[in-house]
């Protein structure tokens, strides 16, 4: 994605990667133990993105 997504915000990058993997917001939100509404807000910039530590803990 180097070069391709340089103009994207963090939320837009999350959405791009989610769609590329074929995940719905419901699936990805479930994988990180959060609500679909929370993920939608992250992707649209209405909420700050999470720290990587929180995401890493959810993936264990």
N, C-alpha and C. Protein backbone atom coordinates (compact mmCIF):
# COMPACT_ATOMS: atom_id res chain seq x y z
N UNK A 1 0.83 -1.18 0.00
CA UNK A 1 0.00 0.00 0.00
C UNK A 1 0.88 1.25 0.00
N UNK A 2 2.14 1.09 0.08
CA UNK A 2 3.03 2.25 0.08
C UNK A 2 2.81 3.07 -1.19
N UNK A 3 2.60 4.35 -1.01
CA UNK A 3 2.36 5.22 -2.15
C UNK A 3 0.88 5.31 -2.49
N UNK A 4 0.20 4.17 -2.49
CA UNK A 4 -1.21 4.14 -2.85
C UNK A 4 -2.08 4.87 -1.84
N UNK A 5 -1.83 4.65 -0.56
CA UNK A 5 -2.69 5.22 0.46
C UNK A 5 -2.10 6.38 1.21
N UNK A 6 -1.07 7.00 0.67
CA UNK A 6 -0.42 8.10 1.38
C UNK A 6 -1.37 9.26 1.67
N UNK A 7 -2.38 9.42 0.89
CA UNK A 7 -3.32 10.54 1.06
C UNK A 7 -4.51 10.17 1.95
N UNK A 8 -4.58 8.93 2.40
CA UNK A 8 -5.72 8.47 3.21
C UNK A 8 -5.49 8.74 4.69
N UNK A 9 -6.58 9.04 5.39
CA UNK A 9 -6.50 9.17 6.85
C UNK A 9 -6.39 7.76 7.45
N UNK A 10 -6.12 7.69 8.73
CA UNK A 10 -6.02 6.38 9.40
C UNK A 10 -7.33 5.62 9.26
N UNK A 11 -8.44 6.30 9.48
CA UNK A 11 -9.75 5.65 9.37
C UNK A 11 -10.02 5.15 7.95
N UNK A 12 -9.63 5.95 6.97
CA UNK A 12 -9.81 5.53 5.58
C UNK A 12 -8.93 4.34 5.24
N UNK A 13 -7.74 4.30 5.83
CA UNK A 13 -6.85 3.14 5.61
C UNK A 13 -7.43 1.88 6.22
N UNK A 14 -8.03 2.03 7.41
CA UNK A 14 -8.68 0.88 8.05
C UNK A 14 -9.81 0.36 7.16
N UNK A 15 -10.63 1.27 6.64
CA UNK A 15 -11.73 0.88 5.76
C UNK A 15 -11.21 0.22 4.48
N UNK A 16 -10.15 0.79 3.92
CA UNK A 16 -9.56 0.24 2.69
C UNK A 16 -9.09 -1.19 2.92
N UNK A 17 -8.33 -1.39 3.99
CA UNK A 17 -7.80 -2.73 4.29
C UNK A 17 -8.93 -3.71 4.62
N UNK A 18 -9.93 -3.24 5.35
CA UNK A 18 -11.08 -4.08 5.69
C UNK A 18 -11.79 -4.57 4.44
N UNK A 19 -12.04 -3.66 3.52
CA UNK A 19 -12.73 -4.02 2.28
C UNK A 19 -11.88 -4.92 1.41
N UNK A 20 -10.57 -4.66 1.38
CA UNK A 20 -9.66 -5.48 0.57
C UNK A 20 -9.67 -6.93 1.05
N UNK A 21 -9.82 -7.13 2.35
CA UNK A 21 -9.88 -8.48 2.91
C UNK A 21 -11.28 -9.08 2.82
N UNK A 22 -12.24 -8.28 2.41
CA UNK A 22 -13.60 -8.78 2.25
C UNK A 22 -14.40 -8.83 3.54
N UNK A 23 -13.97 -8.07 4.56
CA UNK A 23 -14.67 -8.04 5.84
C UNK A 23 -15.74 -6.95 5.83
N UNK A 24 -16.85 -7.24 6.47
CA UNK A 24 -17.85 -6.20 6.72
C UNK A 24 -17.44 -5.46 7.99
N UNK A 25 -18.06 -4.34 8.24
CA UNK A 25 -17.79 -3.63 9.49
C UNK A 25 -18.15 -4.51 10.68
N UNK A 26 -19.23 -5.27 10.56
CA UNK A 26 -19.66 -6.14 11.65
C UNK A 26 -18.59 -7.18 11.98
N UNK A 27 -17.99 -7.77 10.96
CA UNK A 27 -16.97 -8.80 11.17
C UNK A 27 -15.73 -8.20 11.81
N UNK A 28 -15.22 -7.11 11.26
CA UNK A 28 -14.01 -6.51 11.81
C UNK A 28 -14.24 -6.00 13.23
N UNK A 29 -15.38 -5.37 13.47
CA UNK A 29 -15.69 -4.89 14.82
C UNK A 29 -15.71 -6.07 15.80
N UNK A 30 -16.28 -7.16 15.40
CA UNK A 30 -16.29 -8.35 16.26
C UNK A 30 -14.90 -8.87 16.54
N UNK A 31 -14.02 -8.83 15.54
CA UNK A 31 -12.65 -9.32 15.72
C UNK A 31 -11.87 -8.51 16.75
N UNK A 32 -12.19 -7.22 16.88
CA UNK A 32 -11.50 -6.37 17.86
C UNK A 32 -12.39 -6.10 19.09
N UNK A 33 -13.46 -6.86 19.22
CA UNK A 33 -14.37 -6.78 20.38
C UNK A 33 -14.94 -5.39 20.59
N UNK A 34 -15.38 -4.77 19.50
CA UNK A 34 -16.00 -3.44 19.57
C UNK A 34 -17.31 -3.46 18.79
N UNK A 35 -18.08 -2.40 18.90
CA UNK A 35 -19.35 -2.32 18.19
C UNK A 35 -19.15 -1.84 16.75
N UNK A 36 -20.12 -2.14 15.92
CA UNK A 36 -20.10 -1.68 14.54
C UNK A 36 -20.14 -0.16 14.49
N UNK A 37 -20.90 0.45 15.38
CA UNK A 37 -20.99 1.91 15.44
C UNK A 37 -19.62 2.52 15.75
N UNK A 38 -18.88 1.93 16.68
CA UNK A 38 -17.54 2.39 17.03
C UNK A 38 -16.63 2.36 15.80
N UNK A 39 -16.64 1.24 15.07
CA UNK A 39 -15.79 1.12 13.88
C UNK A 39 -16.20 2.13 12.81
N UNK A 40 -17.48 2.31 12.61
CA UNK A 40 -17.96 3.27 11.61
C UNK A 40 -17.45 4.68 11.95
N UNK A 41 -17.47 5.03 13.23
CA UNK A 41 -16.99 6.35 13.63
C UNK A 41 -15.49 6.48 13.40
N UNK A 42 -14.74 5.42 13.64
CA UNK A 42 -13.29 5.43 13.39
C UNK A 42 -13.04 5.64 11.90
N UNK A 43 -13.73 4.87 11.07
CA UNK A 43 -13.51 4.94 9.63
C UNK A 43 -13.88 6.28 9.02
N UNK A 44 -14.86 6.96 9.60
CA UNK A 44 -15.30 8.24 9.05
C UNK A 44 -14.67 9.44 9.75
N UNK A 45 -13.79 9.20 10.71
CA UNK A 45 -13.09 10.29 11.37
C UNK A 45 -13.87 11.00 12.46
N UNK A 46 -15.00 10.45 12.87
CA UNK A 46 -15.78 11.06 13.94
C UNK A 46 -15.29 10.65 15.32
N UNK A 47 -14.33 9.73 15.35
CA UNK A 47 -13.72 9.28 16.60
C UNK A 47 -12.25 9.03 16.34
N UNK A 48 -11.40 9.29 17.34
CA UNK A 48 -9.97 9.06 17.18
C UNK A 48 -9.71 7.56 17.01
N UNK A 49 -8.75 7.22 16.19
CA UNK A 49 -8.41 5.80 16.04
C UNK A 49 -7.80 5.24 17.32
N UNK A 50 -7.95 3.94 17.53
CA UNK A 50 -7.42 3.33 18.74
C UNK A 50 -5.90 3.23 18.71
N UNK A 51 -5.33 3.09 19.89
CA UNK A 51 -3.89 2.83 19.97
C UNK A 51 -3.64 1.40 19.52
N UNK A 52 -2.51 1.16 18.93
CA UNK A 52 -2.18 -0.17 18.42
C UNK A 52 -2.18 -1.21 19.54
N UNK A 53 -1.85 -0.80 20.77
CA UNK A 53 -1.85 -1.73 21.89
C UNK A 53 -3.23 -2.34 22.12
N UNK A 54 -4.28 -1.52 22.01
CA UNK A 54 -5.64 -2.01 22.20
C UNK A 54 -6.00 -3.03 21.13
N UNK A 55 -5.61 -2.74 19.90
CA UNK A 55 -5.91 -3.67 18.81
C UNK A 55 -5.12 -4.96 18.97
N UNK A 56 -3.87 -4.85 19.37
CA UNK A 56 -3.04 -6.04 19.53
C UNK A 56 -3.59 -6.94 20.64
N UNK A 57 -4.05 -6.35 21.73
CA UNK A 57 -4.64 -7.13 22.82
C UNK A 57 -5.88 -7.87 22.37
N UNK A 58 -6.68 -7.25 21.51
CA UNK A 58 -7.90 -7.86 21.01
C UNK A 58 -7.62 -9.04 20.10
N UNK A 59 -6.47 -9.04 19.47
CA UNK A 59 -6.15 -10.09 18.51
C UNK A 59 -5.53 -11.32 19.18
N UNK A 60 -5.22 -11.25 20.48
CA UNK A 60 -4.62 -12.40 21.17
C UNK A 60 -5.62 -13.46 21.50
